[in-house]
Amino acid sequence: CIVHGQGGTLLQHLKEQQLNGDIRPGDRVFWFTT
């Protein structure tokens, strides 16, 4: 059971999505996942 914090999750995902993934407002983002 791996516990993740809210701040680290938010910063990492913002970094990866906005910078590496170039995601921006209005984009339509999909990942096939459960």
PDB file of all heavy atoms in Angstrom:
ATOM      1  N   CYS A   1       0.864  -1.182   0.000  1.00  0.00           N
ATOM      2  CA  CYS A   1       0.000   0.000   0.000  1.00  0.00           C
ATOM      3  C   CYS A   1       0.895   1.225   0.000  1.00  0.00           C
ATOM      4  O   CYS A   1       1.479   1.578   1.031  1.00  0.00           O
ATOM      5  CB  CYS A   1      -0.909   0.005   1.224  1.00  0.00           C
ATOM      6  SG  CYS A   1      -1.931  -1.472   1.391  1.00  0.00           S
ATOM      7  N   ILE A   2       1.008   1.872  -1.137  1.00  0.00           N
ATOM      8  CA  ILE A   2       1.950   2.977  -1.333  1.00  0.00           C
ATOM      9  C   ILE A   2       1.186   4.290  -1.161  1.00  0.00           C
ATOM     10  O   ILE A   2       0.221   4.552  -1.875  1.00  0.00           O
ATOM     11  CB  ILE A   2       2.587   2.897  -2.735  1.00  0.00           C
ATOM     12  CG1 ILE A   2       3.250   1.523  -2.941  1.00  0.00           C
ATOM     13  CG2 ILE A   2       3.592   4.017  -2.930  1.00  0.00           C
ATOM     14  CD1 ILE A   2       3.668   1.245  -4.371  1.00  0.00           C
ATOM     15  N   VAL A   3       1.628   5.125  -0.218  1.00  0.00           N
ATOM     16  CA  VAL A   3       0.921   6.362   0.112  1.00  0.00           C
ATOM     17  C   VAL A   3       1.589   7.533  -0.603  1.00  0.00           C
ATOM     18  O   VAL A   3       2.795   7.757  -0.465  1.00  0.00           O
ATOM     19  CB  VAL A   3       0.922   6.616   1.633  1.00  0.00           C
ATOM     20  CG1 VAL A   3       0.071   7.840   1.967  1.00  0.00           C
ATOM     21  CG2 VAL A   3       0.409   5.393   2.388  1.00  0.00           C
ATOM     22  N   HIS A   4       0.780   8.287  -1.371  1.00  0.00           N
ATOM     23  CA  HIS A   4       1.288   9.454  -2.103  1.00  0.00           C
ATOM     24  C   HIS A   4       0.643  10.728  -1.592  1.00  0.00           C
ATOM     25  O   HIS A   4      -0.560  10.767  -1.313  1.00  0.00           O
ATOM     26  CB  HIS A   4       1.036   9.301  -3.600  1.00  0.00           C
ATOM     27  CG  HIS A   4       2.005   8.391  -4.275  1.00  0.00           C
ATOM     28  ND1 HIS A   4       3.322   8.741  -4.476  1.00  0.00           N
ATOM     29  CD2 HIS A   4       1.875   7.141  -4.777  1.00  0.00           C
ATOM     30  CE1 HIS A   4       3.952   7.729  -5.081  1.00  0.00           C
ATOM     31  NE2 HIS A   4       3.095   6.746  -5.265  1.00  0.00           N
ATOM     32  N   GLY A   5       1.461  11.784  -1.498  1.00  0.00           N
ATOM     33  CA  GLY A   5       0.994  13.063  -1.005  1.00  0.00           C
ATOM     34  C   GLY A   5       0.404  13.934  -2.090  1.00  0.00           C
ATOM     35  O   GLY A   5       0.748  13.808  -3.278  1.00  0.00           O
ATOM     36  N   GLN A   6      -0.439  14.875  -1.682  1.00  0.00           N
ATOM     37  CA  GLN A   6      -1.162  15.685  -2.653  1.00  0.00           C
ATOM     38  C   GLN A   6      -0.260  16.696  -3.370  1.00  0.00           C
ATOM     39  O   GLN A   6      -0.396  16.893  -4.581  1.00  0.00           O
ATOM     40  CB  GLN A   6      -2.327  16.403  -1.977  1.00  0.00           C
ATOM     41  CG  GLN A   6      -1.944  17.375  -0.872  1.00  0.00           C
ATOM     42  CD  GLN A   6      -3.053  18.367  -0.561  1.00  0.00           C
ATOM     43  OE1 GLN A   6      -4.147  18.296  -1.111  1.00  0.00           O
ATOM     44  NE2 GLN A   6      -2.775  19.305   0.323  1.00  0.00           N
ATOM     45  N   GLY A   7       0.681  17.301  -2.662  1.00  0.00           N
ATOM     46  CA  GLY A   7       1.504  18.324  -3.288  1.00  0.00           C
ATOM     47  C   GLY A   7       2.487  17.762  -4.297  1.00  0.00           C
ATOM     48  O   GLY A   7       2.636  18.303  -5.402  1.00  0.00           O
ATOM     49  N   GLY A   8       3.157  16.679  -3.920  1.00  0.00           N
ATOM     50  CA  GLY A   8       4.112  16.070  -4.837  1.00  0.00           C
ATOM     51  C   GLY A   8       3.440  15.526  -6.078  1.00  0.00           C
ATOM     52  O   GLY A   8       3.960  15.658  -7.194  1.00  0.00           O
ATOM     53  N   THR A   9       2.273  14.913  -5.901  1.00  0.00           N
ATOM     54  CA  THR A   9       1.521  14.400  -7.052  1.00  0.00           C
ATOM     55  C   THR A   9       1.145  15.540  -7.985  1.00  0.00           C
ATOM     56  O   THR A   9       1.317  15.452  -9.209  1.00  0.00           O
ATOM     57  CB  THR A   9       0.256  13.671  -6.568  1.00  0.00           C
ATOM     58  OG1 THR A   9       0.639  12.570  -5.729  1.00  0.00           O
ATOM     59  CG2 THR A   9      -0.567  13.162  -7.735  1.00  0.00           C
ATOM     60  N   LEU A  10       0.638  16.632  -7.422  1.00  0.00           N
ATOM     61  CA  LEU A  10       0.209  17.766  -8.235  1.00  0.00           C
ATOM     62  C   LEU A  10       1.378  18.361  -9.015  1.00  0.00           C
ATOM     63  O   LEU A  10       1.287  18.573 -10.236  1.00  0.00           O
ATOM     64  CB  LEU A  10      -0.440  18.826  -7.345  1.00  0.00           C
ATOM     65  CG  LEU A  10      -0.927  20.092  -8.055  1.00  0.00           C
ATOM     66  CD1 LEU A  10      -2.066  19.762  -9.009  1.00  0.00           C
ATOM     67  CD2 LEU A  10      -1.354  21.149  -7.040  1.00  0.00           C
ATOM     68  N   LEU A  11       2.491  18.635  -8.331  1.00  0.00           N
ATOM     69  CA  LEU A  11       3.633  19.255  -9.013  1.00  0.00           C
ATOM     70  C   LEU A  11       4.196  18.360 -10.109  1.00  0.00           C
ATOM     71  O   LEU A  11       4.498  18.825 -11.216  1.00  0.00           O
ATOM     72  CB  LEU A  11       4.736  19.575  -8.007  1.00  0.00           C
ATOM     73  CG  LEU A  11       4.644  20.879  -7.214  1.00  0.00           C
ATOM     74  CD1 LEU A  11       5.931  21.125  -6.459  1.00  0.00           C
ATOM     75  CD2 LEU A  11       4.329  22.061  -8.111  1.00  0.00           C
ATOM     76  N   GLN A  12       4.358  17.065  -9.808  1.00  0.00           N
ATOM     77  CA  GLN A  12       4.908  16.149 -10.816  1.00  0.00           C
ATOM     78  C   GLN A  12       4.003  16.072 -12.040  1.00  0.00           C
ATOM     79  O   GLN A  12       4.474  16.100 -13.179  1.00  0.00           O
ATOM     80  CB  GLN A  12       5.073  14.741 -10.223  1.00  0.00           C
ATOM     81  CG  GLN A  12       6.351  14.547  -9.435  1.00  0.00           C
ATOM     82  CD  GLN A  12       7.565  14.313 -10.326  1.00  0.00           C
ATOM     83  OE1 GLN A  12       7.776  15.011 -11.311  1.00  0.00           O
ATOM     84  NE2 GLN A  12       8.376  13.335  -9.981  1.00  0.00           N
ATOM     85  N   HIS A  13       2.713  15.954 -11.818  1.00  0.00           N
ATOM     86  CA  HIS A  13       1.799  15.804 -12.948  1.00  0.00           C
ATOM     87  C   HIS A  13       1.680  17.094 -13.750  1.00  0.00           C
ATOM     88  O   HIS A  13       1.611  17.056 -14.984  1.00  0.00           O
ATOM     89  CB  HIS A  13       0.434  15.317 -12.453  1.00  0.00           C
ATOM     90  CG  HIS A  13       0.457  13.917 -11.948  1.00  0.00           C
ATOM     91  ND1 HIS A  13      -0.649  13.274 -11.447  1.00  0.00           N
ATOM     92  CD2 HIS A  13       1.462  13.005 -11.863  1.00  0.00           C
ATOM     93  CE1 HIS A  13      -0.328  12.047 -11.084  1.00  0.00           C
ATOM     94  NE2 HIS A  13       0.950  11.867 -11.314  1.00  0.00           N
ATOM     95  N   LEU A  14       1.658  18.250 -13.071  1.00  0.00           N
ATOM     96  CA  LEU A  14       1.662  19.515 -13.810  1.00  0.00           C
ATOM     97  C   LEU A  14       2.911  19.619 -14.681  1.00  0.00           C
ATOM     98  O   LEU A  14       2.848  20.006 -15.859  1.00  0.00           O
ATOM     99  CB  LEU A  14       1.605  20.689 -12.835  1.00  0.00           C
ATOM    100  CG  LEU A  14       0.253  20.974 -12.172  1.00  0.00           C
ATOM    101  CD1 LEU A  14       0.414  21.989 -11.051  1.00  0.00           C
ATOM    102  CD2 LEU A  14      -0.768  21.475 -13.197  1.00  0.00           C
ATOM    103  N   LYS A  15       4.060  19.274 -14.107  1.00  0.00           N
ATOM    104  CA  LYS A  15       5.323  19.325 -14.857  1.00  0.00           C
ATOM    105  C   LYS A  15       5.280  18.407 -16.074  1.00  0.00           C
ATOM    106  O   LYS A  15       5.577  18.823 -17.205  1.00  0.00           O
ATOM    107  CB  LYS A  15       6.475  18.924 -13.935  1.00  0.00           C
ATOM    108  CG  LYS A  15       7.839  18.838 -14.606  1.00  0.00           C
ATOM    109  CD  LYS A  15       8.798  17.967 -13.812  1.00  0.00           C
ATOM    110  CE  LYS A  15       8.451  16.488 -13.923  1.00  0.00           C
ATOM    111  NZ  LYS A  15       9.452  15.616 -13.257  1.00  0.00           N
ATOM    112  N   GLU A  16       4.909  17.147 -15.841  1.00  0.00           N
ATOM    113  CA  GLU A  16       4.929  16.176 -16.940  1.00  0.00           C
ATOM    114  C   GLU A  16       3.899  16.505 -18.001  1.00  0.00           C
ATOM    115  O   GLU A  16       4.156  16.350 -19.202  1.00  0.00           O
ATOM    116  CB  GLU A  16       4.704  14.768 -16.389  1.00  0.00           C
ATOM    117  CG  GLU A  16       5.855  14.274 -15.533  1.00  0.00           C
ATOM    118  CD  GLU A  16       5.667  12.871 -14.999  1.00  0.00           C
ATOM    119  OE1 GLU A  16       4.550  12.309 -15.120  1.00  0.00           O
ATOM    120  OE2 GLU A  16       6.632  12.324 -14.439  1.00  0.00           O
ATOM    121  N   GLN A  17       2.729  16.931 -17.575  1.00  0.00           N
ATOM    122  CA  GLN A  17       1.656  17.159 -18.539  1.00  0.00           C
ATOM    123  C   GLN A  17       1.838  18.462 -19.307  1.00  0.00           C
ATOM    124  O   GLN A  17       1.716  18.483 -20.531  1.00  0.00           O
ATOM    125  CB  GLN A  17       0.312  17.091 -17.825  1.00  0.00           C
ATOM    126  CG  GLN A  17       0.017  15.682 -17.330  1.00  0.00           C
ATOM    127  CD  GLN A  17      -1.216  15.573 -16.458  1.00  0.00           C
ATOM    128  OE1 GLN A  17      -1.857  16.552 -16.121  1.00  0.00           O
ATOM    129  NE2 GLN A  17      -1.557  14.348 -16.062  1.00  0.00           N
ATOM    130  N   GLN A  18       2.151  19.548 -18.599  1.00  0.00           N
ATOM    131  CA  GLN A  18       2.267  20.823 -19.293  1.00  0.00           C
ATOM    132  C   GLN A  18       3.578  20.967 -20.055  1.00  0.00           C
ATOM    133  O   GLN A  18       3.597  21.525 -21.159  1.00  0.00           O
ATOM    134  CB  GLN A  18       2.101  21.984 -18.308  1.00  0.00           C
ATOM    135  CG  GLN A  18       0.688  22.101 -17.759  1.00  0.00           C
ATOM    136  CD  GLN A  18       0.447  23.376 -16.983  1.00  0.00           C
ATOM    137  OE1 GLN A  18       1.186  24.350 -17.118  1.00  0.00           O
ATOM    138  NE2 GLN A  18      -0.583  23.379 -16.155  1.00  0.00           N
ATOM    139  N   LEU A  19       4.687  20.474 -19.489  1.00  0.00           N
ATOM    140  CA  LEU A  19       5.977  20.636 -20.165  1.00  0.00           C
ATOM    141  C   LEU A  19       6.279  19.475 -21.113  1.00  0.00           C
ATOM    142  O   LEU A  19       6.474  19.674 -22.305  1.00  0.00           O
ATOM    143  CB  LEU A  19       7.108  20.788 -19.144  1.00  0.00           C
ATOM    144  CG  LEU A  19       6.998  21.969 -18.169  1.00  0.00           C
ATOM    145  CD1 LEU A  19       8.313  22.162 -17.422  1.00  0.00           C
ATOM    146  CD2 LEU A  19       6.589  23.241 -18.868  1.00  0.00           C
ATOM    147  N   ASN A  20       6.319  18.260 -20.591  1.00  0.00           N
ATOM    148  CA  ASN A  20       6.681  17.117 -21.438  1.00  0.00           C
ATOM    149  C   ASN A  20       5.571  16.747 -22.408  1.00  0.00           C
ATOM    150  O   ASN A  20       5.827  16.386 -23.559  1.00  0.00           O
ATOM    151  CB  ASN A  20       7.056  15.917 -20.574  1.00  0.00           C
ATOM    152  CG  ASN A  20       8.231  16.210 -19.672  1.00  0.00           C
ATOM    153  OD1 ASN A  20       8.048  16.646 -18.542  1.00  0.00           O
ATOM    154  ND2 ASN A  20       9.446  16.012 -20.159  1.00  0.00           N
ATOM    155  N   GLY A  21       4.312  16.821 -21.950  1.00  0.00           N
ATOM    156  CA  GLY A  21       3.189  16.469 -22.816  1.00  0.00           C
ATOM    157  C   GLY A  21       2.610  17.632 -23.587  1.00  0.00           C
ATOM    158  O   GLY A  21       1.751  17.448 -24.456  1.00  0.00           O
ATOM    159  N   ASP A  22       3.057  18.859 -23.269  1.00  0.00           N
ATOM    160  CA  ASP A  22       2.590  20.082 -23.927  1.00  0.00           C
ATOM    161  C   ASP A  22       1.059  20.226 -23.874  1.00  0.00           C
ATOM    162  O   ASP A  22       0.433  20.733 -24.798  1.00  0.00           O
ATOM    163  CB  ASP A  22       3.077  20.141 -25.381  1.00  0.00           C
ATOM    164  CG  ASP A  22       3.211  21.579 -25.876  1.00  0.00           C
ATOM    165  OD1 ASP A  22       3.535  22.452 -25.062  1.00  0.00           O
ATOM    166  OD2 ASP A  22       2.968  21.819 -27.075  1.00  0.00           O
ATOM    167  N   ILE A  23       0.478  19.781 -22.757  1.00  0.00           N
ATOM    168  CA  ILE A  23      -0.974  19.881 -22.568  1.00  0.00           C
ATOM    169  C   ILE A  23      -1.317  21.294 -22.127  1.00  0.00           C
ATOM    170  O   ILE A  23      -0.639  21.891 -21.291  1.00  0.00           O
ATOM    171  CB  ILE A  23      -1.452  18.839 -21.534  1.00  0.00           C
ATOM    172  CG1 ILE A  23      -1.303  17.418 -22.125  1.00  0.00           C
ATOM    173  CG2 ILE A  23      -2.885  19.093 -21.093  1.00  0.00           C
ATOM    174  CD1 ILE A  23      -1.514  16.306 -21.113  1.00  0.00           C
ATOM    175  N   ARG A  24      -2.420  21.815 -22.698  1.00  0.00           N
ATOM    176  CA  ARG A  24      -2.822  23.190 -22.425  1.00  0.00           C
ATOM    177  C   ARG A  24      -4.333  23.285 -22.320  1.00  0.00           C
ATOM    178  O   ARG A  24      -5.037  22.316 -22.659  1.00  0.00           O
ATOM    179  CB  ARG A  24      -2.280  24.121 -23.514  1.00  0.00           C
ATOM    180  CG  ARG A  24      -2.567  23.638 -24.922  1.00  0.00           C
ATOM    181  CD  ARG A  24      -1.737  24.393 -25.946  1.00  0.00           C
ATOM    182  NE  ARG A  24      -0.322  24.026 -25.919  1.00  0.00           N
ATOM    183  CZ  ARG A  24       0.648  24.789 -26.435  1.00  0.00           C
ATOM    184  NH1 ARG A  24       0.363  25.943 -26.987  1.00  0.00           N
ATOM    185  NH2 ARG A  24       1.908  24.388 -26.371  1.00  0.00           N
ATOM    186  N   PRO A  25      -4.865  24.412 -21.833  1.00  0.00           N
ATOM    187  CA  PRO A  25      -6.323  24.527 -21.683  1.00  0.00           C
ATOM    188  C   PRO A  25      -7.051  24.218 -22.987  1.00  0.00           C
ATOM    189  O   PRO A  25      -6.628  24.641 -24.073  1.00  0.00           O
ATOM    190  CB  PRO A  25      -6.513  25.992 -21.270  1.00  0.00           C
ATOM    191  CG  PRO A  25      -5.246  26.342 -20.552  1.00  0.00           C
ATOM    192  CD  PRO A  25      -4.170  25.609 -21.310  1.00  0.00           C
ATOM    193  N   GLY A  26      -8.141  23.454 -22.849  1.00  0.00           N
ATOM    194  CA  GLY A  26      -8.945  23.105 -24.015  1.00  0.00           C
ATOM    195  C   GLY A  26      -8.520  21.831 -24.710  1.00  0.00           C
ATOM    196  O   GLY A  26      -9.249  21.323 -25.573  1.00  0.00           O
ATOM    197  N   ASP A  27      -7.339  21.302 -24.369  1.00  0.00           N
ATOM    198  CA  ASP A  27      -6.931  20.023 -24.949  1.00  0.00           C
ATOM    199  C   ASP A  27      -7.883  18.922 -24.490  1.00  0.00           C
ATOM    200  O   ASP A  27      -8.573  19.050 -23.465  1.00  0.00           O
ATOM    201  CB  ASP A  27      -5.503  19.671 -24.538  1.00  0.00           C
ATOM    202  CG  ASP A  27      -4.462  20.300 -25.456  1.00  0.00           C
ATOM    203  OD1 ASP A  27      -4.852  20.920 -26.460  1.00  0.00           O
ATOM    204  OD2 ASP A  27      -3.257  20.185 -25.158  1.00  0.00           O
ATOM    205  N   ARG A  28      -7.886  17.841 -25.240  1.00  0.00           N
ATOM    206  CA  ARG A  28      -8.724  16.689 -24.897  1.00  0.00           C
ATOM    207  C   ARG A  28      -7.807  15.483 -24.690  1.00  0.00           C
ATOM    208  O   ARG A  28      -7.225  14.966 -25.645  1.00  0.00           O
ATOM    209  CB  ARG A  28      -9.770  16.457 -25.977  1.00  0.00           C
ATOM    210  CG  ARG A  28     -10.722  17.658 -26.050  1.00  0.00           C
ATOM    211  CD  ARG A  28     -11.979  17.397 -26.824  1.00  0.00           C
ATOM    212  NE  ARG A  28     -12.976  18.413 -26.500  1.00  0.00           N
ATOM    213  CZ  ARG A  28     -14.263  18.312 -26.808  1.00  0.00           C
ATOM    214  NH1 ARG A  28     -14.712  17.235 -27.444  1.00  0.00           N
ATOM    215  NH2 ARG A  28     -15.103  19.263 -26.483  1.00  0.00           N
ATOM    216  N   VAL A  29      -7.690  15.096 -23.436  1.00  0.00           N
ATOM    217  CA  VAL A  29      -6.636  14.163 -23.017  1.00  0.00           C
ATOM    218  C   VAL A  29      -7.249  12.812 -22.671  1.00  0.00           C
ATOM    219  O   VAL A  29      -8.201  12.724 -21.890  1.00  0.00           O
ATOM    220  CB  VAL A  29      -5.867  14.732 -21.808  1.00  0.00           C
ATOM    221  CG1 VAL A  29      -4.779  13.761 -21.367  1.00  0.00           C
ATOM    222  CG2 VAL A  29      -5.263  16.090 -22.152  1.00  0.00           C
ATOM    223  N   PHE A  30      -6.662  11.781 -23.249  1.00  0.00           N
ATOM    224  CA  PHE A  30      -7.151  10.407 -23.074  1.00  0.00           C
ATOM    225  C   PHE A  30      -5.996   9.502 -22.683  1.00  0.00           C
ATOM    226  O   PHE A  30      -4.874   9.656 -23.180  1.00  0.00           O
ATOM    227  CB  PHE A  30      -7.763   9.917 -24.390  1.00  0.00           C
ATOM    228  CG  PHE A  30      -8.057   8.436 -24.427  1.00  0.00           C
ATOM    229  CD1 PHE A  30      -9.188   7.923 -23.809  1.00  0.00           C
ATOM    230  CD2 PHE A  30      -7.209   7.554 -25.081  1.00  0.00           C
ATOM    231  CE1 PHE A  30      -9.467   6.556 -23.844  1.00  0.00           C
ATOM    232  CE2 PHE A  30      -7.485   6.187 -25.115  1.00  0.00           C
ATOM    233  CZ  PHE A  30      -8.609   5.694 -24.498  1.00  0.00           C
ATOM    234  N   TRP A  31      -6.273   8.568 -21.772  1.00  0.00           N
ATOM    235  CA  TRP A  31      -5.350   7.436 -21.565  1.00  0.00           C
ATOM    236  C   TRP A  31      -6.218   6.203 -21.354  1.00  0.00           C
ATOM    237  O   TRP A  31      -7.129   6.226 -20.533  1.00  0.00           O
ATOM    238  CB  TRP A  31      -4.417   7.635 -20.367  1.00  0.00           C
ATOM    239  CG  TRP A  31      -3.143   6.858 -20.578  1.00  0.00           C
ATOM    240  CD1 TRP A  31      -3.001   5.504 -20.552  1.00  0.00           C
ATOM    241  CD2 TRP A  31      -1.868   7.393 -20.937  1.00  0.00           C
ATOM    242  NE1 TRP A  31      -1.713   5.147 -20.856  1.00  0.00           N
ATOM    243  CE2 TRP A  31      -0.994   6.292 -21.098  1.00  0.00           C
ATOM    244  CE3 TRP A  31      -1.369   8.677 -21.121  1.00  0.00           C
ATOM    245  CZ2 TRP A  31       0.347   6.455 -21.437  1.00  0.00           C
ATOM    246  CZ3 TRP A  31      -0.030   8.826 -21.463  1.00  0.00           C
ATOM    247  CH2 TRP A  31       0.810   7.727 -21.619  1.00  0.00           C
ATOM    248  N   PHE A  32      -5.944   5.165 -22.105  1.00  0.00           N
ATOM    249  CA  PHE A  32      -6.699   3.932 -21.922  1.00  0.00           C
ATOM    250  C   PHE A  32      -6.201   3.258 -20.651  1.00  0.00           C
ATOM    251  O   PHE A  32      -5.070   2.771 -20.589  1.00  0.00           O
ATOM    252  CB  PHE A  32      -6.553   2.992 -23.119  1.00  0.00           C
ATOM    253  CG  PHE A  32      -7.260   1.686 -22.895  1.00  0.00           C
ATOM    254  CD1 PHE A  32      -8.639   1.640 -22.849  1.00  0.00           C
ATOM    255  CD2 PHE A  32      -6.551   0.518 -22.671  1.00  0.00           C
ATOM    256  CE1 PHE A  32      -9.305   0.458 -22.593  1.00  0.00           C
ATOM    257  CE2 PHE A  32      -7.207  -0.675 -22.422  1.00  0.00           C
ATOM    258  CZ  PHE A  32      -8.582  -0.705 -22.382  1.00  0.00           C
ATOM    259  N   THR A  33      -7.043   3.252 -19.627  1.00  0.00           N
ATOM    260  CA  THR A  33      -6.630   2.751 -18.318  1.00  0.00           C
ATOM    261  C   THR A  33      -7.843   2.325 -17.520  1.00  0.00           C
ATOM    262  O   THR A  33      -8.967   2.758 -17.807  1.00  0.00           O
ATOM    263  CB  THR A  33      -5.856   3.846 -17.542  1.00  0.00           C
ATOM    264  OG1 THR A  33      -5.451   3.338 -16.263  1.00  0.00           O
ATOM    265  CG2 THR A  33      -6.711   5.085 -17.329  1.00  0.00           C
ATOM    266  N   THR A  34      -7.610   1.487 -16.549  1.00  0.00           N
ATOM    267  CA  THR A  34      -8.631   1.194 -15.549  1.00  0.00           C
ATOM    268  C   THR A  34      -8.315   2.020 -14.305  1.00  0.00           C
ATOM    269  O   THR A  34      -7.274   2.673 -14.220  1.00  0.00           O
ATOM    270  CB  THR A  34      -8.644  -0.291 -15.157  1.00  0.00           C
ATOM    271  OG1 THR A  34      -7.460  -0.574 -14.385  1.00  0.00           O
ATOM    272  CG2 THR A  34      -8.691  -1.194 -16.388  1.00  0.00           C
TER     273      THR A  34
END
